[in-house]
Amino acid sequence: MPELPEVEVVRAGLAPAVVGARIAQVTVADERALTRHVGDAASFEGALRGRAITAAARRGKFLWLPLEVTSNDGHGDLGEAIVGHLGMSGQLLLRAPGAATERHERVRIDIEHPVHGELALVFADQRTFGSLAIDHLVPSPDSAPGGWGTDAAATPSQVAHIARDALDPAFSDARFSRTVRAKRSAIKRVLLDQTVISGVGNIYADEALWAARVHPEAPADLLPARAVSRLLAEVRTVLQKALAEGGTSFDAQYVNVNGQAGYFTRFLHSYGREGQPCSRCGSLIVRKRFMNRSSYFCPRCQRRR
């Protein structure tokens, strides 16, 4: 599943093309892409036609495109947004107007930008776990901007329960440390909890734990405060490095808006490296089942104490 770096790469790629654009036409080819939308395909298409996009925002693994506020959207000054989640294999692609239908295309949004002209925003999804929806915006409890790419202190209601990510300027290190040390769960389970810290999935959890020398099954409440701080610092470092490389692509399912893959796989130290030597101590990386997934770690560097 795309994690924070992959989704942020998509958001950053969309922003120049969609912010300020007006939606000319919407075509829903597969209603399975609207599982989070309240209404049918016709309501989705009709509600977007003619609206302007004012920003491209992200929190954790969620994207949203705020829409200009209209007198009849029913949600006051905060308005509405197109909310997107890529699921396991979702892609948001920018294409020329009239471009051929993409493989696994589910929704096409034709836009007109004052600078870039006509473009097509295509949502393609092979496994159909991703989704688009129109959702109303709600105020941010901390009055800070709702996420990356927006100055508005608001998020879609479907995203309001998602915690801020470690790269968000409004993220509270102290609150994170208190929350982690109050959990009796394994530390990796806590890192994957999107209500504690968002945007971290299996890949970057394993990489951060390896960098911080913390065993993925170490009880969170037994970690010293300094270990939690070190782990958070490594989460940030891993995410920033992955962003610089365009994210992590193991197959063709994750690509940026132009269909290009990310290259962070070249810098992985633990994830997917079962049986290969640890780049720090030379011991063989092991793989262990964890929460219906796999954890990769070094049994020497990341001893469970």
C-alpha atoms as a PDB file:
ATOM      1  CA  MET A   1       0.000   0.000   0.000  1.00  0.00           C
ATOM      2  CA  PRO A   2       1.327   3.476  -0.823  1.00  0.00           C
ATOM      3  CA  GLU A   3       2.564   5.188   2.340  1.00  0.00           C
ATOM      4  CA  LEU A   4       3.305   8.837   3.115  1.00  0.00           C
ATOM      5  CA  PRO A   5       6.198   9.350   0.652  1.00  0.00           C
ATOM      6  CA  GLU A   6       4.307   7.802  -2.248  1.00  0.00           C
ATOM      7  CA  VAL A   7       1.117   9.761  -1.558  1.00  0.00           C
ATOM      8  CA  GLU A   8       3.055  13.002  -1.052  1.00  0.00           C
ATOM      9  CA  VAL A   9       4.840  12.506  -4.380  1.00  0.00           C
ATOM     10  CA  VAL A  10       1.424  12.166  -6.030  1.00  0.00           C
ATOM     11  CA  ARG A  11       0.062  15.243  -4.216  1.00  0.00           C
ATOM     12  CA  ALA A  12       3.062  17.367  -5.165  1.00  0.00           C
ATOM     13  CA  GLY A  13       2.754  16.247  -8.773  1.00  0.00           C
ATOM     14  CA  LEU A  14      -0.940  17.070  -8.918  1.00  0.00           C
ATOM     15  CA  ALA A  15      -0.757  20.508  -7.295  1.00  0.00           C
ATOM     16  CA  PRO A  16       0.614  22.610 -10.191  1.00  0.00           C
ATOM     17  CA  ALA A  17      -1.863  21.078 -12.621  1.00  0.00           C
ATOM     18  CA  VAL A  18      -5.062  21.066 -10.567  1.00  0.00           C
ATOM     19  CA  VAL A  19      -4.919  24.074  -8.232  1.00  0.00           C
ATOM     20  CA  GLY A  20      -6.943  26.814  -9.892  1.00  0.00           C
ATOM     21  CA  ALA A  21      -8.391  24.429 -12.482  1.00  0.00           C
ATOM     22  CA  ARG A  22     -12.111  24.138 -13.162  1.00  0.00           C
ATOM     23  CA  ILE A  23     -13.791  20.770 -13.622  1.00  0.00           C
ATOM     24  CA  ALA A  24     -15.364  20.513 -17.065  1.00  0.00           C
ATOM     25  CA  GLN A  25     -16.548  16.907 -17.092  1.00  0.00           C
ATOM     26  CA  VAL A  26     -16.547  13.840 -14.829  1.00  0.00           C
ATOM     27  CA  THR A  27     -16.932  10.264 -16.073  1.00  0.00           C
ATOM     28  CA  VAL A  28     -17.344   7.380 -13.626  1.00  0.00           C
ATOM     29  CA  ALA A  29     -16.560   4.130 -15.418  1.00  0.00           C
ATOM     30  CA  ASP A  30     -16.752   1.924 -12.327  1.00  0.00           C
ATOM     31  CA  GLU A  31     -18.826   2.791  -9.246  1.00  0.00           C
ATOM     32  CA  ARG A  32     -16.599   0.574  -7.088  1.00  0.00           C
ATOM     33  CA  ALA A  33     -14.255   3.576  -7.035  1.00  0.00           C
ATOM     34  CA  LEU A  34     -16.906   5.505  -5.064  1.00  0.00           C
ATOM     35  CA  THR A  35     -17.206   3.243  -2.024  1.00  0.00           C
ATOM     36  CA  ARG A  36     -16.548   6.166   0.357  1.00  0.00           C
ATOM     37  CA  HIS A  37     -18.895   8.508  -1.498  1.00  0.00           C
ATOM     38  CA  VAL A  38     -22.399   9.101  -0.155  1.00  0.00           C
ATOM     39  CA  GLY A  39     -24.440   8.861  -3.342  1.00  0.00           C
ATOM     40  CA  ASP A  40     -24.250   7.279  -6.765  1.00  0.00           C
ATOM     41  CA  ALA A  41     -22.122   7.981  -9.813  1.00  0.00           C
ATOM     42  CA  ALA A  42     -24.584  10.533 -11.178  1.00  0.00           C
ATOM     43  CA  SER A  43     -24.505  12.561  -7.948  1.00  0.00           C
ATOM     44  CA  PHE A  44     -20.693  12.461  -7.924  1.00  0.00           C
ATOM     45  CA  GLU A  45     -20.465  13.643 -11.521  1.00  0.00           C
ATOM     46  CA  GLY A  46     -23.124  16.317 -11.146  1.00  0.00           C
ATOM     47  CA  ALA A  47     -21.766  17.770  -7.907  1.00  0.00           C
ATOM     48  CA  LEU A  48     -18.286  18.299  -9.396  1.00  0.00           C
ATOM     49  CA  ARG A  49     -19.107  19.624 -12.841  1.00  0.00           C
ATOM     50  CA  GLY A  50     -18.219  23.321 -13.072  1.00  0.00           C
ATOM     51  CA  ARG A  51     -16.458  23.506  -9.673  1.00  0.00           C
ATOM     52  CA  ALA A  52     -12.953  24.919  -9.228  1.00  0.00           C
ATOM     53  CA  ILE A  53     -10.175  23.171  -7.260  1.00  0.00           C
ATOM     54  CA  THR A  54      -8.481  25.456  -4.735  1.00  0.00           C
ATOM     55  CA  ALA A  55      -5.691  23.275  -3.291  1.00  0.00           C
ATOM     56  CA  ALA A  56      -4.107  19.814  -3.239  1.00  0.00           C
ATOM     57  CA  ALA A  57      -3.746  18.587   0.340  1.00  0.00           C
ATOM     58  CA  ARG A  58      -2.614  15.462   2.171  1.00  0.00           C
ATOM     59  CA  ARG A  59      -2.661  14.006   5.645  1.00  0.00           C
ATOM     60  CA  GLY A  60      -1.032  10.618   6.098  1.00  0.00           C
ATOM     61  CA  LYS A  61      -2.191   8.419   3.213  1.00  0.00           C
ATOM     62  CA  PHE A  62      -5.256  10.536   2.363  1.00  0.00           C
ATOM     63  CA  LEU A  63      -5.387  13.143  -0.403  1.00  0.00           C
ATOM     64  CA  TRP A  64      -8.023  15.805  -0.855  1.00  0.00           C
ATOM     65  CA  LEU A  65      -8.748  18.537  -3.377  1.00  0.00           C
ATOM     66  CA  PRO A  66     -10.746  21.345  -1.726  1.00  0.00           C
ATOM     67  CA  LEU A  67     -13.413  22.865  -3.947  1.00  0.00           C
ATOM     68  CA  GLU A  68     -14.499  26.470  -4.224  1.00  0.00           C
ATOM     69  CA  VAL A  69     -17.298  27.192  -1.786  1.00  0.00           C
ATOM     70  CA  THR A  70     -20.717  27.547  -3.390  1.00  0.00           C
ATOM     71  CA  SER A  71     -23.969  28.797  -1.921  1.00  0.00           C
ATOM     72  CA  ASN A  72     -25.672  25.435  -2.335  1.00  0.00           C
ATOM     73  CA  ASP A  73     -23.102  22.937  -1.078  1.00  0.00           C
ATOM     74  CA  GLY A  74     -24.780  22.961   2.336  1.00  0.00           C
ATOM     75  CA  HIS A  75     -21.585  23.117   4.384  1.00  0.00           C
ATOM     76  CA  GLY A  76     -21.030  26.807   5.029  1.00  0.00           C
ATOM     77  CA  ASP A  77     -17.660  28.505   4.758  1.00  0.00           C
ATOM     78  CA  LEU A  78     -15.533  25.348   4.948  1.00  0.00           C
ATOM     79  CA  GLY A  79     -17.121  23.742   1.905  1.00  0.00           C
ATOM     80  CA  GLU A  80     -16.335  20.374   0.344  1.00  0.00           C
ATOM     81  CA  ALA A  81     -13.446  18.436  -1.163  1.00  0.00           C
ATOM     82  CA  ILE A  82     -12.722  15.470  -3.385  1.00  0.00           C
ATOM     83  CA  VAL A  83     -11.157  12.904  -1.039  1.00  0.00           C
ATOM     84  CA  GLY A  84      -8.893  10.207  -2.429  1.00  0.00           C
ATOM     85  CA  HIS A  85      -7.332   7.106  -0.930  1.00  0.00           C
ATOM     86  CA  LEU A  86      -5.085   5.007  -3.166  1.00  0.00           C
ATOM     87  CA  GLY A  87      -5.722   1.740  -1.332  1.00  0.00           C
ATOM     88  CA  MET A  88      -3.393  -1.024  -2.498  1.00  0.00           C
ATOM     89  CA  SER A  89      -2.987  -0.104  -6.149  1.00  0.00           C
ATOM     90  CA  GLY A  90      -4.705   3.229  -6.837  1.00  0.00           C
ATOM     91  CA  GLN A  91      -3.081   5.710  -9.212  1.00  0.00           C
ATOM     92  CA  LEU A  92      -3.873   9.349  -9.927  1.00  0.00           C
ATOM     93  CA  LEU A  93      -2.490  10.182 -13.352  1.00  0.00           C
ATOM     94  CA  LEU A  94      -2.353  13.369 -15.395  1.00  0.00           C
ATOM     95  CA  ARG A  95      -3.062  12.843 -19.064  1.00  0.00           C
ATOM     96  CA  ALA A  96      -3.604  14.937 -22.181  1.00  0.00           C
ATOM     97  CA  PRO A  97      -7.221  15.723 -23.038  1.00  0.00           C
ATOM     98  CA  GLY A  98      -8.817  12.900 -24.981  1.00  0.00           C
ATOM     99  CA  ALA A  99      -6.007  10.463 -24.068  1.00  0.00           C
ATOM    100  CA  ALA A 100      -6.794   6.771 -24.489  1.00  0.00           C
ATOM    101  CA  THR A 101      -8.492   5.011 -21.598  1.00  0.00           C
ATOM    102  CA  GLU A 102      -5.994   3.763 -19.035  1.00  0.00           C
ATOM    103  CA  ARG A 103      -5.878   0.131 -18.046  1.00  0.00           C
ATOM    104  CA  HIS A 104      -8.008  -0.246 -14.891  1.00  0.00           C
ATOM    105  CA  GLU A 105      -9.401   3.279 -15.316  1.00  0.00           C
ATOM    106  CA  ARG A 106     -12.265   3.911 -12.869  1.00  0.00           C
ATOM    107  CA  VAL A 107     -12.871   7.681 -12.935  1.00  0.00           C
ATOM    108  CA  ARG A 108     -11.811  10.470 -15.299  1.00  0.00           C
ATOM    109  CA  ILE A 109     -12.036  14.149 -14.373  1.00  0.00           C
ATOM    110  CA  ASP A 110     -11.496  16.565 -17.257  1.00  0.00           C
ATOM    111  CA  ILE A 111     -10.213  19.939 -16.065  1.00  0.00           C
ATOM    112  CA  GLU A 112      -9.373  23.310 -17.574  1.00  0.00           C
ATOM    113  CA  HIS A 113      -6.436  25.160 -16.028  1.00  0.00           C
ATOM    114  CA  PRO A 114      -5.856  28.884 -16.690  1.00  0.00           C
ATOM    115  CA  VAL A 115      -2.157  28.262 -17.414  1.00  0.00           C
ATOM    116  CA  HIS A 116      -1.836  24.614 -18.458  1.00  0.00           C
ATOM    117  CA  GLY A 117      -5.045  24.386 -20.434  1.00  0.00           C
ATOM    118  CA  GLU A 118      -7.081  21.198 -20.711  1.00  0.00           C
ATOM    119  CA  LEU A 119      -5.946  18.093 -18.830  1.00  0.00           C
ATOM    120  CA  ALA A 120      -7.433  14.804 -17.706  1.00  0.00           C
ATOM    121  CA  LEU A 121      -7.078  13.580 -14.113  1.00  0.00           C
ATOM    122  CA  VAL A 122      -7.474   9.800 -14.206  1.00  0.00           C
ATOM    123  CA  PHE A 123      -8.055   7.518 -11.223  1.00  0.00           C
ATOM    124  CA  ALA A 124      -6.965   3.984 -12.107  1.00  0.00           C
ATOM    125  CA  ASP A 125      -7.036   1.097  -9.664  1.00  0.00           C
ATOM    126  CA  GLN A 126      -6.273  -2.530 -10.455  1.00  0.00           C
ATOM    127  CA  ARG A 127      -7.424  -4.074  -7.174  1.00  0.00           C
ATOM    128  CA  THR A 128     -10.300  -1.618  -6.540  1.00  0.00           C
ATOM    129  CA  PHE A 129      -9.445  -0.998  -2.862  1.00  0.00           C
ATOM    130  CA  GLY A 130      -8.890   2.713  -3.504  1.00  0.00           C
ATOM    131  CA  SER A 131     -11.662   5.277  -3.655  1.00  0.00           C
ATOM    132  CA  LEU A 132     -12.783   8.816  -4.430  1.00  0.00           C
ATOM    133  CA  ALA A 133     -15.563  10.700  -2.646  1.00  0.00           C
ATOM    134  CA  ILE A 134     -17.029  14.144  -2.153  1.00  0.00           C
ATOM    135  CA  ASP A 135     -16.898  14.976   1.543  1.00  0.00           C
ATOM    136  CA  HIS A 136     -17.537  18.064   3.662  1.00  0.00           C
ATOM    137  CA  LEU A 137     -14.701  19.785   5.490  1.00  0.00           C
ATOM    138  CA  VAL A 138     -14.622  20.060   9.276  1.00  0.00           C
ATOM    139  CA  PRO A 139     -12.457  22.336  11.484  1.00  0.00           C
ATOM    140  CA  SER A 140      -9.064  21.152  12.736  1.00  0.00           C
ATOM    141  CA  PRO A 141      -9.268  20.770  16.540  1.00  0.00           C
ATOM    142  CA  ASP A 142      -5.839  22.374  16.993  1.00  0.00           C
ATOM    143  CA  SER A 143      -6.620  25.250  14.567  1.00  0.00           C
ATOM    144  CA  ALA A 144      -3.506  24.397  12.517  1.00  0.00           C
ATOM    145  CA  PRO A 145      -3.624  23.756   8.752  1.00  0.00           C
ATOM    146  CA  GLY A 146      -5.353  20.453   8.066  1.00  0.00           C
ATOM    147  CA  GLY A 147      -2.432  18.935   6.194  1.00  0.00           C
ATOM    148  CA  TRP A 148       0.336  19.420   3.654  1.00  0.00           C
ATOM    149  CA  GLY A 149      -0.611  21.676   0.759  1.00  0.00           C
ATOM    150  CA  THR A 150      -3.342  23.721   2.440  1.00  0.00           C
ATOM    151  CA  ASP A 151      -3.456  26.742   4.733  1.00  0.00           C
ATOM    152  CA  ALA A 152      -7.034  26.022   5.797  1.00  0.00           C
ATOM    153  CA  ALA A 153      -7.526  24.674   9.322  1.00  0.00           C
ATOM    154  CA  ALA A 154      -9.875  21.994   8.043  1.00  0.00           C
ATOM    155  CA  THR A 155      -9.919  18.366   6.900  1.00  0.00           C
ATOM    156  CA  PRO A 156     -12.543  16.181   5.241  1.00  0.00           C
ATOM    157  CA  SER A 157     -14.762  14.469   7.826  1.00  0.00           C
ATOM    158  CA  GLN A 158     -13.446  11.097   6.599  1.00  0.00           C
ATOM    159  CA  VAL A 159      -9.899  12.164   7.487  1.00  0.00           C
ATOM    160  CA  ALA A 160     -10.586  13.894  10.820  1.00  0.00           C
ATOM    161  CA  HIS A 161      -9.703  10.787  12.882  1.00  0.00           C
ATOM    162  CA  ILE A 162      -6.294  10.429  11.201  1.00  0.00           C
ATOM    163  CA  ALA A 163      -3.341  11.702  13.231  1.00  0.00           C
ATOM    164  CA  ARG A 164      -0.840  14.168  11.848  1.00  0.00           C
ATOM    165  CA  ASP A 165       2.302  12.705  10.300  1.00  0.00           C
ATOM    166  CA  ALA A 166       5.832  13.103  11.601  1.00  0.00           C
ATOM    167  CA  LEU A 167       6.744  15.669   8.914  1.00  0.00           C
ATOM    168  CA  ASP A 168       3.744  17.901   9.668  1.00  0.00           C
ATOM    169  CA  PRO A 169       4.854  21.184  11.338  1.00  0.00           C
ATOM    170  CA  ALA A 170       1.925  20.828  13.755  1.00  0.00           C
ATOM    171  CA  PHE A 171       2.923  17.307  14.849  1.00  0.00           C
ATOM    172  CA  SER A 172       3.520  17.158  18.619  1.00  0.00           C
ATOM    173  CA  ASP A 173       6.587  15.146  19.613  1.00  0.00           C
ATOM    174  CA  ALA A 174       5.613  15.306  23.280  1.00  0.00           C
ATOM    175  CA  ARG A 175       2.095  14.021  22.625  1.00  0.00           C
ATOM    176  CA  PHE A 176       3.486  11.216  20.474  1.00  0.00           C
ATOM    177  CA  SER A 177       5.916  10.153  23.203  1.00  0.00           C
ATOM    178  CA  ARG A 178       3.190  10.154  25.853  1.00  0.00           C
ATOM    179  CA  THR A 179       0.849   8.142  23.642  1.00  0.00           C
ATOM    180  CA  VAL A 180       3.475   5.574  22.703  1.00  0.00           C
ATOM    181  CA  ARG A 181       4.626   5.002  26.268  1.00  0.00           C
ATOM    182  CA  ALA A 182       1.021   4.487  27.400  1.00  0.00           C
ATOM    183  CA  LYS A 183       0.531   1.610  24.931  1.00  0.00           C
ATOM    184  CA  ARG A 184       1.143  -1.989  25.903  1.00  0.00           C
ATOM    185  CA  SER A 185       1.181  -3.087  22.284  1.00  0.00           C
ATOM    186  CA  ALA A 186       4.258  -3.969  20.249  1.00  0.00           C
ATOM    187  CA  ILE A 187       5.968  -0.807  19.066  1.00  0.00           C
ATOM    188  CA  LYS A 188       5.502  -1.706  15.402  1.00  0.00           C
ATOM    189  CA  ARG A 189       1.755  -2.042  15.936  1.00  0.00           C
ATOM    190  CA  VAL A 190       1.774   1.469  17.433  1.00  0.00           C
ATOM    191  CA  LEU A 191       3.694   2.888  14.449  1.00  0.00           C
ATOM    192  CA  LEU A 192       1.089   1.392  12.119  1.00  0.00           C
ATOM    193  CA  ASP A 193      -1.798   2.918  14.082  1.00  0.00           C
ATOM    194  CA  GLN A 194      -2.917   5.861  11.930  1.00  0.00           C
ATOM    195  CA  THR A 195      -4.644   7.476  14.915  1.00  0.00           C
ATOM    196  CA  VAL A 196      -1.254   7.773  16.676  1.00  0.00           C
ATOM    197  CA  ILE A 197       0.973   8.757  13.751  1.00  0.00           C
ATOM    198  CA  SER A 198      -0.135   8.742  10.135  1.00  0.00           C
ATOM    199  CA  GLY A 199       1.539   7.811   6.890  1.00  0.00           C
ATOM    200  CA  VAL A 200       3.776   5.031   8.250  1.00  0.00           C
ATOM    201  CA  GLY A 201       3.105   1.597   6.801  1.00  0.00           C
ATOM    202  CA  ASN A 202       4.938  -1.697   6.838  1.00  0.00           C
ATOM    203  CA  ILE A 203       7.939  -0.622   4.753  1.00  0.00           C
ATOM    204  CA  TYR A 204       8.854   2.530   6.636  1.00  0.00           C
ATOM    205  CA  ALA A 205       8.029   1.073  10.054  1.00  0.00           C
ATOM    206  CA  ASP A 206      10.568  -1.712   9.461  1.00  0.00           C
ATOM    207  CA  GLU A 207      13.160   0.726   8.132  1.00  0.00           C
ATOM    208  CA  ALA A 208      12.775   3.161  11.035  1.00  0.00           C
ATOM    209  CA  LEU A 209      12.899   0.381  13.631  1.00  0.00           C
ATOM    210  CA  TRP A 210      16.065  -0.987  12.007  1.00  0.00           C
ATOM    211  CA  ALA A 211      17.673   2.462  12.015  1.00  0.00           C
ATOM    212  CA  ALA A 212      16.728   3.015  15.678  1.00  0.00           C
ATOM    213  CA  ARG A 213      17.868  -0.541  16.663  1.00  0.00           C
ATOM    214  CA  VAL A 214      14.447  -1.335  18.152  1.00  0.00           C
ATOM    215  CA  HIS A 215      12.857  -4.787  17.899  1.00  0.00           C
ATOM    216  CA  PRO A 216       9.432  -4.569  16.180  1.00  0.00           C
ATOM    217  CA  GLU A 217       7.797  -6.560  19.004  1.00  0.00           C
ATOM    218  CA  ALA A 218       9.281  -4.531  21.856  1.00  0.00           C
ATOM    219  CA  PRO A 219       6.452  -3.417  24.199  1.00  0.00           C
ATOM    220  CA  ALA A 220       5.874   0.283  23.594  1.00  0.00           C
ATOM    221  CA  ASP A 221       5.261   1.084  27.257  1.00  0.00           C
ATOM    222  CA  LEU A 222       8.682  -0.305  28.224  1.00  0.00           C
ATOM    223  CA  LEU A 223      10.646   1.872  25.815  1.00  0.00           C
ATOM    224  CA  PRO A 224      12.614   4.676  27.506  1.00  0.00           C
ATOM    225  CA  ALA A 225      11.683   8.200  26.460  1.00  0.00           C
ATOM    226  CA  ARG A 226      15.046   8.612  24.721  1.00  0.00           C
ATOM    227  CA  ALA A 227      14.394   5.462  22.643  1.00  0.00           C
ATOM    228  CA  VAL A 228      11.010   6.840  21.541  1.00  0.00           C
ATOM    229  CA  SER A 229      12.640  10.144  20.579  1.00  0.00           C
ATOM    230  CA  ARG A 230      15.351   8.331  18.630  1.00  0.00           C
ATOM    231  CA  LEU A 231      12.728   6.228  16.839  1.00  0.00           C
ATOM    232  CA  LEU A 232      10.690   9.300  15.890  1.00  0.00           C
ATOM    233  CA  ALA A 233      13.828  10.954  14.514  1.00  0.00           C
ATOM    234  CA  GLU A 234      14.506   7.858  12.392  1.00  0.00           C
ATOM    235  CA  VAL A 235      10.903   7.818  11.144  1.00  0.00           C
ATOM    236  CA  ARG A 236      11.412  11.371   9.905  1.00  0.00           C
ATOM    237  CA  THR A 237      14.766  10.556   8.316  1.00  0.00           C
ATOM    238  CA  VAL A 238      13.412   7.512   6.488  1.00  0.00           C
ATOM    239  CA  LEU A 239      10.367   9.395   5.199  1.00  0.00           C
ATOM    240  CA  GLN A 240      12.486  12.317   3.996  1.00  0.00           C
ATOM    241  CA  LYS A 241      14.926  10.004   2.180  1.00  0.00           C
ATOM    242  CA  ALA A 242      12.048   8.138   0.537  1.00  0.00           C
ATOM    243  CA  LEU A 243      10.488  11.422  -0.567  1.00  0.00           C
ATOM    244  CA  ALA A 244      13.776  12.472  -2.148  1.00  0.00           C
ATOM    245  CA  GLU A 245      13.801   9.231  -4.172  1.00  0.00           C
ATOM    246  CA  GLY A 246      10.184   9.517  -5.301  1.00  0.00           C
ATOM    247  CA  GLY A 247       8.906   6.786  -2.984  1.00  0.00           C
ATOM    248  CA  THR A 248       9.241   3.005  -3.095  1.00  0.00           C
ATOM    249  CA  SER A 249       8.118   0.955  -6.105  1.00  0.00           C
ATOM    250  CA  PHE A 250       8.234  -2.838  -5.982  1.00  0.00           C
ATOM    251  CA  ASP A 251       5.975  -3.218  -9.030  1.00  0.00           C
ATOM    252  CA  ALA A 252       4.030  -1.120 -11.528  1.00  0.00           C
ATOM    253  CA  GLN A 253       1.154  -0.450  -9.125  1.00  0.00           C
ATOM    254  CA  TYR A 254       2.762   2.600  -7.501  1.00  0.00           C
ATOM    255  CA  VAL A 255       3.747   5.374  -9.894  1.00  0.00           C
ATOM    256  CA  ASN A 256       3.678   9.164  -9.774  1.00  0.00           C
ATOM    257  CA  VAL A 257       1.235  11.312 -11.769  1.00  0.00           C
ATOM    258  CA  ASN A 258       3.352  10.830 -14.897  1.00  0.00           C
ATOM    259  CA  GLY A 259       3.493   7.046 -14.524  1.00  0.00           C
ATOM    260  CA  GLN A 260       7.085   6.940 -13.227  1.00  0.00           C
ATOM    261  CA  ALA A 261       8.321   4.641 -10.454  1.00  0.00           C
ATOM    262  CA  GLY A 262      10.120   5.598  -7.230  1.00  0.00           C
ATOM    263  CA  TYR A 263      13.640   4.457  -6.405  1.00  0.00           C
ATOM    264  CA  PHE A 264      13.874   4.130  -2.621  1.00  0.00           C
ATOM    265  CA  THR A 265      14.155   0.318  -2.958  1.00  0.00           C
ATOM    266  CA  ARG A 266      17.888   0.898  -3.524  1.00  0.00           C
ATOM    267  CA  PHE A 267      18.235   2.216   0.035  1.00  0.00           C
ATOM    268  CA  LEU A 268      16.242  -0.363   2.014  1.00  0.00           C
ATOM    269  CA  HIS A 269      18.167  -1.889   4.925  1.00  0.00           C
ATOM    270  CA  SER A 270      15.638  -4.386   6.284  1.00  0.00           C
ATOM    271  CA  TYR A 271      12.317  -4.522   4.448  1.00  0.00           C
ATOM    272  CA  GLY A 272      12.217  -7.314   1.860  1.00  0.00           C
ATOM    273  CA  ARG A 273      15.831  -8.358   2.581  1.00  0.00           C
ATOM    274  CA  GLU A 274      15.245 -11.717   4.277  1.00  0.00           C
ATOM    275  CA  GLY A 275      18.414 -13.835   4.234  1.00  0.00           C
ATOM    276  CA  GLN A 276      20.634 -10.937   3.175  1.00  0.00           C
ATOM    277  CA  PRO A 277      23.375  -9.531   5.431  1.00  0.00           C
ATOM    278  CA  CYS A 278      22.546  -6.579   7.642  1.00  0.00           C
ATOM    279  CA  SER A 279      24.382  -3.567   6.249  1.00  0.00           C
ATOM    280  CA  ARG A 280      25.376  -2.599   9.804  1.00  0.00           C
ATOM    281  CA  CYS A 281      26.573  -5.834  11.455  1.00  0.00           C
ATOM    282  CA  GLY A 282      26.511  -8.526   8.777  1.00  0.00           C
ATOM    283  CA  SER A 283      23.953 -10.788  10.467  1.00  0.00           C
ATOM    284  CA  LEU A 284      21.238 -12.162   8.208  1.00  0.00           C
ATOM    285  CA  ILE A 285      17.974 -10.242   8.090  1.00  0.00           C
ATOM    286  CA  VAL A 286      15.050 -12.387   9.255  1.00  0.00           C
ATOM    287  CA  ARG A 287      11.379 -12.285   8.383  1.00  0.00           C
ATOM    288  CA  LYS A 288       8.607 -12.935  10.880  1.00  0.00           C
ATOM    289  CA  ARG A 289       4.838 -12.867  10.523  1.00  0.00           C
ATOM    290  CA  PHE A 290       3.267  -9.861  12.211  1.00  0.00           C
ATOM    291  CA  MET A 291      -0.372  -8.674  12.080  1.00  0.00           C
ATOM    292  CA  ASN A 292      -1.061 -10.651   8.872  1.00  0.00           C
ATOM    293  CA  ARG A 293       2.018  -9.036   7.353  1.00  0.00           C
ATOM    294  CA  SER A 294       5.743  -9.572   7.581  1.00  0.00           C
ATOM    295  CA  SER A 295       8.334  -7.877   9.754  1.00  0.00           C
ATOM    296  CA  TYR A 296      11.946  -7.726   8.598  1.00  0.00           C
ATOM    297  CA  PHE A 297      14.646  -7.018  11.163  1.00  0.00           C
ATOM    298  CA  CYS A 298      18.184  -7.813  12.220  1.00  0.00           C
ATOM    299  CA  PRO A 299      18.193 -10.255  15.166  1.00  0.00           C
ATOM    300  CA  ARG A 300      21.535  -8.913  16.367  1.00  0.00           C
ATOM    301  CA  CYS A 301      21.086  -5.147  15.969  1.00  0.00           C
ATOM    302  CA  GLN A 302      17.459  -5.218  17.072  1.00  0.00           C
ATOM    303  CA  ARG A 303      17.501  -7.562  20.037  1.00  0.00           C
ATOM    304  CA  ARG A 304      14.329  -7.747  22.064  1.00  0.00           C
ATOM    305  CA  ARG A 305      15.395  -6.711  25.534  1.00  0.00           C
END
